[in-house]
Amino acid sequence: MAATRTHFSTGDMYRLASDFADEFGDNASDYAYRAVVSFEAEGEGDRAYFWFLLLVMLGDIAEHRIDPTANITIH
């Protein structure tokens, strides 16, 4: 059976990252990083890329560069 793709908006991704950070606290970035490495090793580029984006967003949230509850504008 073929996998179906789901498309997330940037706001959806930041909300997901925020929920992930709330759930796992200081470990969230470590878990996301390990997912990137694991999926890359398995040849799962799309999945690795998803987790990489989540990792970047977790960094933005942790450094208070973005508020995931606010309207997000990408320039």
PDB file of N, CA and C in Angstrom:
ATOM      1  N   MET A   1       0.841  -1.171   0.000  1.00  0.00           N
ATOM      2  CA  MET A   1       0.000   0.000   0.000  1.00  0.00           C
ATOM      3  C   MET A   1       0.890   1.238   0.000  1.00  0.00           C
ATOM      4  N   ALA A   2       0.602   2.169  -0.863  1.00  0.00           N
ATOM      5  CA  ALA A   2       1.396   3.395  -0.969  1.00  0.00           C
ATOM      6  C   ALA A   2       1.069   4.344   0.175  1.00  0.00           C
ATOM      7  N   ALA A   3       2.097   5.025   0.641  1.00  0.00           N
ATOM      8  CA  ALA A   3       1.910   5.997   1.719  1.00  0.00           C
ATOM      9  C   ALA A   3       1.295   7.265   1.143  1.00  0.00           C
ATOM     10  N   THR A   4       0.433   7.879   1.910  1.00  0.00           N
ATOM     11  CA  THR A   4      -0.133   9.151   1.495  1.00  0.00           C
ATOM     12  C   THR A   4       0.633  10.264   2.178  1.00  0.00           C
ATOM     13  N   ARG A   5       0.768  11.382   1.492  1.00  0.00           N
ATOM     14  CA  ARG A   5       1.487  12.530   2.049  1.00  0.00           C
ATOM     15  C   ARG A   5       0.495  13.504   2.648  1.00  0.00           C
ATOM     16  N   THR A   6       0.897  14.060   3.754  1.00  0.00           N
ATOM     17  CA  THR A   6       0.123  15.097   4.397  1.00  0.00           C
ATOM     18  C   THR A   6       0.935  16.374   4.345  1.00  0.00           C
ATOM     19  N   HIS A   7       0.290  17.453   3.973  1.00  0.00           N
ATOM     20  CA  HIS A   7       0.976  18.734   3.895  1.00  0.00           C
ATOM     21  C   HIS A   7       0.576  19.589   5.085  1.00  0.00           C
ATOM     22  N   PHE A   8       1.575  20.101   5.778  1.00  0.00           N
ATOM     23  CA  PHE A   8       1.361  20.960   6.932  1.00  0.00           C
ATOM     24  C   PHE A   8       1.721  22.384   6.558  1.00  0.00           C
ATOM     25  N   SER A   9       0.971  23.335   7.110  1.00  0.00           N
ATOM     26  CA  SER A   9       1.370  24.736   6.955  1.00  0.00           C
ATOM     27  C   SER A   9       2.508  25.005   7.935  1.00  0.00           C
ATOM     28  N   THR A  10       3.170  26.135   7.742  1.00  0.00           N
ATOM     29  CA  THR A  10       4.234  26.519   8.667  1.00  0.00           C
ATOM     30  C   THR A  10       3.668  26.662  10.079  1.00  0.00           C
ATOM     31  N   GLY A  11       2.504  27.261  10.193  1.00  0.00           N
ATOM     32  CA  GLY A  11       1.860  27.413  11.505  1.00  0.00           C
ATOM     33  C   GLY A  11       1.568  26.076  12.148  1.00  0.00           C
ATOM     34  N   ASP A  12       1.093  25.107  11.351  1.00  0.00           N
ATOM     35  CA  ASP A  12       0.837  23.759  11.873  1.00  0.00           C
ATOM     36  C   ASP A  12       2.121  23.127  12.397  1.00  0.00           C
ATOM     37  N   MET A  13       3.205  23.305  11.643  1.00  0.00           N
ATOM     38  CA  MET A  13       4.485  22.729  12.054  1.00  0.00           C
ATOM     39  C   MET A  13       4.974  23.350  13.361  1.00  0.00           C
ATOM     40  N   TYR A  14       4.837  24.676  13.482  1.00  0.00           N
ATOM     41  CA  TYR A  14       5.253  25.319  14.729  1.00  0.00           C
ATOM     42  C   TYR A  14       4.384  24.884  15.896  1.00  0.00           C
ATOM     43  N   ARG A  15       3.103  24.690  15.671  1.00  0.00           N
ATOM     44  CA  ARG A  15       2.237  24.203  16.755  1.00  0.00           C
ATOM     45  C   ARG A  15       2.629  22.781  17.153  1.00  0.00           C
ATOM     46  N   LEU A  16       2.946  21.955  16.159  1.00  0.00           N
ATOM     47  CA  LEU A  16       3.406  20.596  16.445  1.00  0.00           C
ATOM     48  C   LEU A  16       4.704  20.632  17.239  1.00  0.00           C
ATOM     49  N   ALA A  17       5.635  21.473  16.820  1.00  0.00           N
ATOM     50  CA  ALA A  17       6.908  21.607  17.542  1.00  0.00           C
ATOM     51  C   ALA A  17       6.663  22.094  18.965  1.00  0.00           C
ATOM     52  N   SER A  18       5.746  23.034  19.117  1.00  0.00           N
ATOM     53  CA  SER A  18       5.431  23.552  20.445  1.00  0.00           C
ATOM     54  C   SER A  18       4.850  22.462  21.333  1.00  0.00           C
ATOM     55  N   ASP A  19       3.932  21.682  20.793  1.00  0.00           N
ATOM     56  CA  ASP A  19       3.349  20.572  21.560  1.00  0.00           C
ATOM     57  C   ASP A  19       4.419  19.548  21.924  1.00  0.00           C
ATOM     58  N   PHE A  20       5.308  19.267  20.990  1.00  0.00           N
ATOM     59  CA  PHE A  20       6.393  18.312  21.228  1.00  0.00           C
ATOM     60  C   PHE A  20       7.311  18.824  22.338  1.00  0.00           C
ATOM     61  N   ALA A  21       7.626  20.123  22.288  1.00  0.00           N
ATOM     62  CA  ALA A  21       8.467  20.730  23.327  1.00  0.00           C
ATOM     63  C   ALA A  21       7.771  20.707  24.677  1.00  0.00           C
ATOM     64  N   ASP A  22       6.476  20.991  24.701  1.00  0.00           N
ATOM     65  CA  ASP A  22       5.717  20.938  25.960  1.00  0.00           C
ATOM     66  C   ASP A  22       5.712  19.527  26.540  1.00  0.00           C
ATOM     67  N   GLU A  23       5.586  18.549  25.666  1.00  0.00           N
ATOM     68  CA  GLU A  23       5.510  17.153  26.114  1.00  0.00           C
ATOM     69  C   GLU A  23       6.852  16.625  26.613  1.00  0.00           C
ATOM     70  N   PHE A  24       7.943  16.964  25.912  1.00  0.00           N
ATOM     71  CA  PHE A  24       9.235  16.345  26.210  1.00  0.00           C
ATOM     72  C   PHE A  24      10.264  17.296  26.794  1.00  0.00           C
ATOM     73  N   GLY A  25       9.919  18.571  26.934  1.00  0.00           N
ATOM     74  CA  GLY A  25      10.792  19.527  27.605  1.00  0.00           C
ATOM     75  C   GLY A  25      12.157  19.627  26.953  1.00  0.00           C
ATOM     76  N   ASP A  26      13.183  19.644  27.799  1.00  0.00           N
ATOM     77  CA  ASP A  26      14.559  19.807  27.322  1.00  0.00           C
ATOM     78  C   ASP A  26      15.020  18.660  26.419  1.00  0.00           C
ATOM     79  N   ASN A  27      14.342  17.521  26.479  1.00  0.00           N
ATOM     80  CA  ASN A  27      14.730  16.367  25.659  1.00  0.00           C
ATOM     81  C   ASN A  27      14.180  16.427  24.244  1.00  0.00           C
ATOM     82  N   ALA A  28      13.266  17.344  23.960  1.00  0.00           N
ATOM     83  CA  ALA A  28      12.592  17.369  22.659  1.00  0.00           C
ATOM     84  C   ALA A  28      13.581  17.481  21.500  1.00  0.00           C
ATOM     85  N   SER A  29      14.529  18.390  21.595  1.00  0.00           N
ATOM     86  CA  SER A  29      15.493  18.558  20.504  1.00  0.00           C
ATOM     87  C   SER A  29      16.366  17.322  20.338  1.00  0.00           C
ATOM     88  N   ASP A  30      16.744  16.697  21.443  1.00  0.00           N
ATOM     89  CA  ASP A  30      17.547  15.477  21.363  1.00  0.00           C
ATOM     90  C   ASP A  30      16.761  14.366  20.666  1.00  0.00           C
ATOM     91  N   TYR A  31      15.490  14.207  21.000  1.00  0.00           N
ATOM     92  CA  TYR A  31      14.654  13.183  20.351  1.00  0.00           C
ATOM     93  C   TYR A  31      14.519  13.467  18.860  1.00  0.00           C
ATOM     94  N   ALA A  32      14.293  14.732  18.517  1.00  0.00           N
ATOM     95  CA  ALA A  32      14.152  15.096  17.105  1.00  0.00           C
ATOM     96  C   ALA A  32      15.459  14.845  16.354  1.00  0.00           C
ATOM     97  N   TYR A  33      16.585  15.200  16.963  1.00  0.00           N
ATOM     98  CA  TYR A  33      17.883  14.970  16.332  1.00  0.00           C
ATOM     99  C   TYR A  33      18.108  13.473  16.092  1.00  0.00           C
ATOM    100  N   ARG A  34      17.793  12.664  17.097  1.00  0.00           N
ATOM    101  CA  ARG A  34      17.970  11.222  16.938  1.00  0.00           C
ATOM    102  C   ARG A  34      17.071  10.661  15.844  1.00  0.00           C
ATOM    103  N   ALA A  35      15.866  11.230  15.704  1.00  0.00           N
ATOM    104  CA  ALA A  35      14.970  10.798  14.628  1.00  0.00           C
ATOM    105  C   ALA A  35      15.578  11.136  13.266  1.00  0.00           C
ATOM    106  N   VAL A  36      16.165  12.328  13.133  1.00  0.00           N
ATOM    107  CA  VAL A  36      16.815  12.723  11.878  1.00  0.00           C
ATOM    108  C   VAL A  36      17.904  11.723  11.525  1.00  0.00           C
ATOM    109  N   VAL A  37      18.785  11.453  12.462  1.00  0.00           N
ATOM    110  CA  VAL A  37      19.913  10.551  12.222  1.00  0.00           C
ATOM    111  C   VAL A  37      19.421   9.143  11.884  1.00  0.00           C
ATOM    112  N   SER A  38      18.437   8.675  12.618  1.00  0.00           N
ATOM    113  CA  SER A  38      17.909   7.330  12.407  1.00  0.00           C
ATOM    114  C   SER A  38      17.266   7.187  11.028  1.00  0.00           C
ATOM    115  N   PHE A  39      16.412   8.151  10.656  1.00  0.00           N
ATOM    116  CA  PHE A  39      15.753   8.062   9.357  1.00  0.00           C
ATOM    117  C   PHE A  39      16.737   8.235   8.206  1.00  0.00           C
ATOM    118  N   GLU A  40      17.745   9.080   8.386  1.00  0.00           N
ATOM    119  CA  GLU A  40      18.775   9.203   7.346  1.00  0.00           C
ATOM    120  C   GLU A  40      19.512   7.880   7.172  1.00  0.00           C
ATOM    121  N   ALA A  41      19.845   7.232   8.269  1.00  0.00           N
ATOM    122  CA  ALA A  41      20.560   5.957   8.208  1.00  0.00           C
ATOM    123  C   ALA A  41      19.722   4.872   7.523  1.00  0.00           C
ATOM    124  N   GLU A  42      18.411   4.977   7.652  1.00  0.00           N
ATOM    125  CA  GLU A  42      17.507   4.012   7.030  1.00  0.00           C
ATOM    126  C   GLU A  42      17.157   4.374   5.589  1.00  0.00           C
ATOM    127  N   GLY A  43      17.698   5.493   5.110  1.00  0.00           N
ATOM    128  CA  GLY A  43      17.407   5.926   3.755  1.00  0.00           C
ATOM    129  C   GLY A  43      16.040   6.564   3.593  1.00  0.00           C
ATOM    130  N   GLU A  44      15.463   7.005   4.681  1.00  0.00           N
ATOM    131  CA  GLU A  44      14.134   7.627   4.682  1.00  0.00           C
ATOM    132  C   GLU A  44      14.289   9.145   4.660  1.00  0.00           C
ATOM    133  N   GLY A  45      14.682   9.673   3.508  1.00  0.00           N
ATOM    134  CA  GLY A  45      14.984  11.084   3.378  1.00  0.00           C
ATOM    135  C   GLY A  45      13.834  12.012   3.714  1.00  0.00           C
ATOM    136  N   ASP A  46      12.625  11.683   3.258  1.00  0.00           N
ATOM    137  CA  ASP A  46      11.475  12.542   3.541  1.00  0.00           C
ATOM    138  C   ASP A  46      11.178  12.607   5.029  1.00  0.00           C
ATOM    139  N   ARG A  47      11.246  11.482   5.685  1.00  0.00           N
ATOM    140  CA  ARG A  47      10.996  11.459   7.131  1.00  0.00           C
ATOM    141  C   ARG A  47      12.100  12.187   7.892  1.00  0.00           C
ATOM    142  N   ALA A  48      13.334  11.994   7.463  1.00  0.00           N
ATOM    143  CA  ALA A  48      14.455  12.697   8.096  1.00  0.00           C
ATOM    144  C   ALA A  48      14.281  14.203   7.938  1.00  0.00           C
ATOM    145  N   TYR A  49      13.859  14.639   6.762  1.00  0.00           N
ATOM    146  CA  TYR A  49      13.670  16.062   6.506  1.00  0.00           C
ATOM    147  C   TYR A  49      12.564  16.643   7.383  1.00  0.00           C
ATOM    148  N   PHE A  50      11.468  15.908   7.544  1.00  0.00           N
ATOM    149  CA  PHE A  50      10.390  16.342   8.425  1.00  0.00           C
ATOM    150  C   PHE A  50      10.919  16.589   9.845  1.00  0.00           C
ATOM    151  N   TRP A  51      11.673  15.637  10.372  1.00  0.00           N
ATOM    152  CA  TRP A  51      12.213  15.765  11.727  1.00  0.00           C
ATOM    153  C   TRP A  51      13.264  16.864  11.812  1.00  0.00           C
ATOM    154  N   PHE A  52      14.015  17.069  10.713  1.00  0.00           N
ATOM    155  CA  PHE A  52      14.981  18.165  10.682  1.00  0.00           C
ATOM    156  C   PHE A  52      14.251  19.507  10.797  1.00  0.00           C
ATOM    157  N   LEU A  53      13.175  19.681  10.030  1.00  0.00           N
ATOM    158  CA  LEU A  53      12.397  20.918  10.125  1.00  0.00           C
ATOM    159  C   LEU A  53      11.850  21.101  11.534  1.00  0.00           C
ATOM    160  N   LEU A  54      11.352  20.020  12.118  1.00  0.00           N
ATOM    161  CA  LEU A  54      10.843  20.097  13.491  1.00  0.00           C
ATOM    162  C   LEU A  54      11.965  20.503  14.445  1.00  0.00           C
ATOM    163  N   LEU A  55      13.156  19.969  14.238  1.00  0.00           N
ATOM    164  CA  LEU A  55      14.310  20.307  15.072  1.00  0.00           C
ATOM    165  C   LEU A  55      14.652  21.792  14.967  1.00  0.00           C
ATOM    166  N   VAL A  56      14.636  22.334  13.761  1.00  0.00           N
ATOM    167  CA  VAL A  56      14.901  23.763  13.572  1.00  0.00           C
ATOM    168  C   VAL A  56      13.858  24.591  14.308  1.00  0.00           C
ATOM    169  N   MET A  57      12.615  24.206  14.191  1.00  0.00           N
ATOM    170  CA  MET A  57      11.533  24.938  14.844  1.00  0.00           C
ATOM    171  C   MET A  57      11.609  24.834  16.359  1.00  0.00           C
ATOM    172  N   LEU A  58      12.028  23.687  16.856  1.00  0.00           N
ATOM    173  CA  LEU A  58      12.234  23.543  18.303  1.00  0.00           C
ATOM    174  C   LEU A  58      13.296  24.515  18.783  1.00  0.00           C
ATOM    175  N   GLY A  59      14.346  24.703  17.988  1.00  0.00           N
ATOM    176  CA  GLY A  59      15.382  25.673  18.331  1.00  0.00           C
ATOM    177  C   GLY A  59      14.840  27.093  18.357  1.00  0.00           C
ATOM    178  N   ASP A  60      14.007  27.426  17.375  1.00  0.00           N
ATOM    179  CA  ASP A  60      13.385  28.756  17.347  1.00  0.00           C
ATOM    180  C   ASP A  60      12.530  28.992  18.589  1.00  0.00           C
ATOM    181  N   ILE A  61      11.795  27.989  18.981  1.00  0.00           N
ATOM    182  CA  ILE A  61      10.929  28.111  20.159  1.00  0.00           C
ATOM    183  C   ILE A  61      11.772  28.223  21.420  1.00  0.00           C
ATOM    184  N   ALA A  62      12.780  27.372  21.551  1.00  0.00           N
ATOM    185  CA  ALA A  62      13.627  27.377  22.756  1.00  0.00           C
ATOM    186  C   ALA A  62      14.366  28.697  22.927  1.00  0.00           C
ATOM    187  N   GLU A  63      14.761  29.319  21.809  1.00  0.00           N
ATOM    188  CA  GLU A  63      15.497  30.584  21.855  1.00  0.00           C
ATOM    189  C   GLU A  63      14.570  31.797  21.827  1.00  0.00           C
ATOM    190  N   HIS A  64      13.270  31.550  21.881  1.00  0.00           N
ATOM    191  CA  HIS A  64      12.250  32.608  21.906  1.00  0.00           C
ATOM    192  C   HIS A  64      12.314  33.506  20.673  1.00  0.00           C
ATOM    193  N   ARG A  65      12.716  32.917  19.541  1.00  0.00           N
ATOM    194  CA  ARG A  65      12.714  33.665  18.289  1.00  0.00           C
ATOM    195  C   ARG A  65      11.329  33.697  17.667  1.00  0.00           C
ATOM    196  N   ILE A  66      10.472  32.790  18.130  1.00  0.00           N
ATOM    197  CA  ILE A  66       9.120  32.726  17.599  1.00  0.00           C
ATOM    198  C   ILE A  66       8.166  32.273  18.694  1.00  0.00           C
ATOM    199  N   ASP A  67       6.959  32.792  18.626  1.00  0.00           N
ATOM    200  CA  ASP A  67       5.892  32.389  19.534  1.00  0.00           C
ATOM    201  C   ASP A  67       4.910  31.553  18.715  1.00  0.00           C
ATOM    202  N   PRO A  68       4.864  30.247  18.923  1.00  0.00           N
ATOM    203  CA  PRO A  68       4.015  29.388  18.096  1.00  0.00           C
ATOM    204  C   PRO A  68       2.523  29.647  18.269  1.00  0.00           C
ATOM    205  N   THR A  69       2.132  30.396  19.294  1.00  0.00           N
ATOM    206  CA  THR A  69       0.711  30.700  19.471  1.00  0.00           C
ATOM    207  C   THR A  69       0.308  31.961  18.721  1.00  0.00           C
ATOM    208  N   ALA A  70       1.275  32.721  18.209  1.00  0.00           N
ATOM    209  CA  ALA A  70       0.989  33.951  17.464  1.00  0.00           C
ATOM    210  C   ALA A  70       0.837  33.639  15.976  1.00  0.00           C
ATOM    211  N   ASN A  71       0.280  34.587  15.236  1.00  0.00           N
ATOM    212  CA  ASN A  71       0.244  34.448  13.785  1.00  0.00           C
ATOM    213  C   ASN A  71       1.664  34.514  13.256  1.00  0.00           C
ATOM    214  N   ILE A  72       2.017  33.569  12.421  1.00  0.00           N
ATOM    215  CA  ILE A  72       3.385  33.448  11.952  1.00  0.00           C
ATOM    216  C   ILE A  72       3.484  33.989  10.525  1.00  0.00           C
ATOM    217  N   THR A  73       4.475  34.822  10.292  1.00  0.00           N
ATOM    218  CA  THR A  73       4.736  35.370   8.966  1.00  0.00           C
ATOM    219  C   THR A  73       6.131  34.948   8.533  1.00  0.00           C
ATOM    220  N   ILE A  74       6.226  34.366   7.372  1.00  0.00           N
ATOM    221  CA  ILE A  74       7.508  33.948   6.820  1.00  0.00           C
ATOM    222  C   ILE A  74       7.891  34.950   5.734  1.00  0.00           C
ATOM    223  N   HIS A  75       9.088  35.504   5.846  1.00  0.00           N
ATOM    224  CA  HIS A  75       9.551  36.496   4.858  1.00  0.00           C
ATOM    225  C   HIS A  75      10.528  35.867   3.907  1.00  0.00           C
TER     226      HIS A  75
END
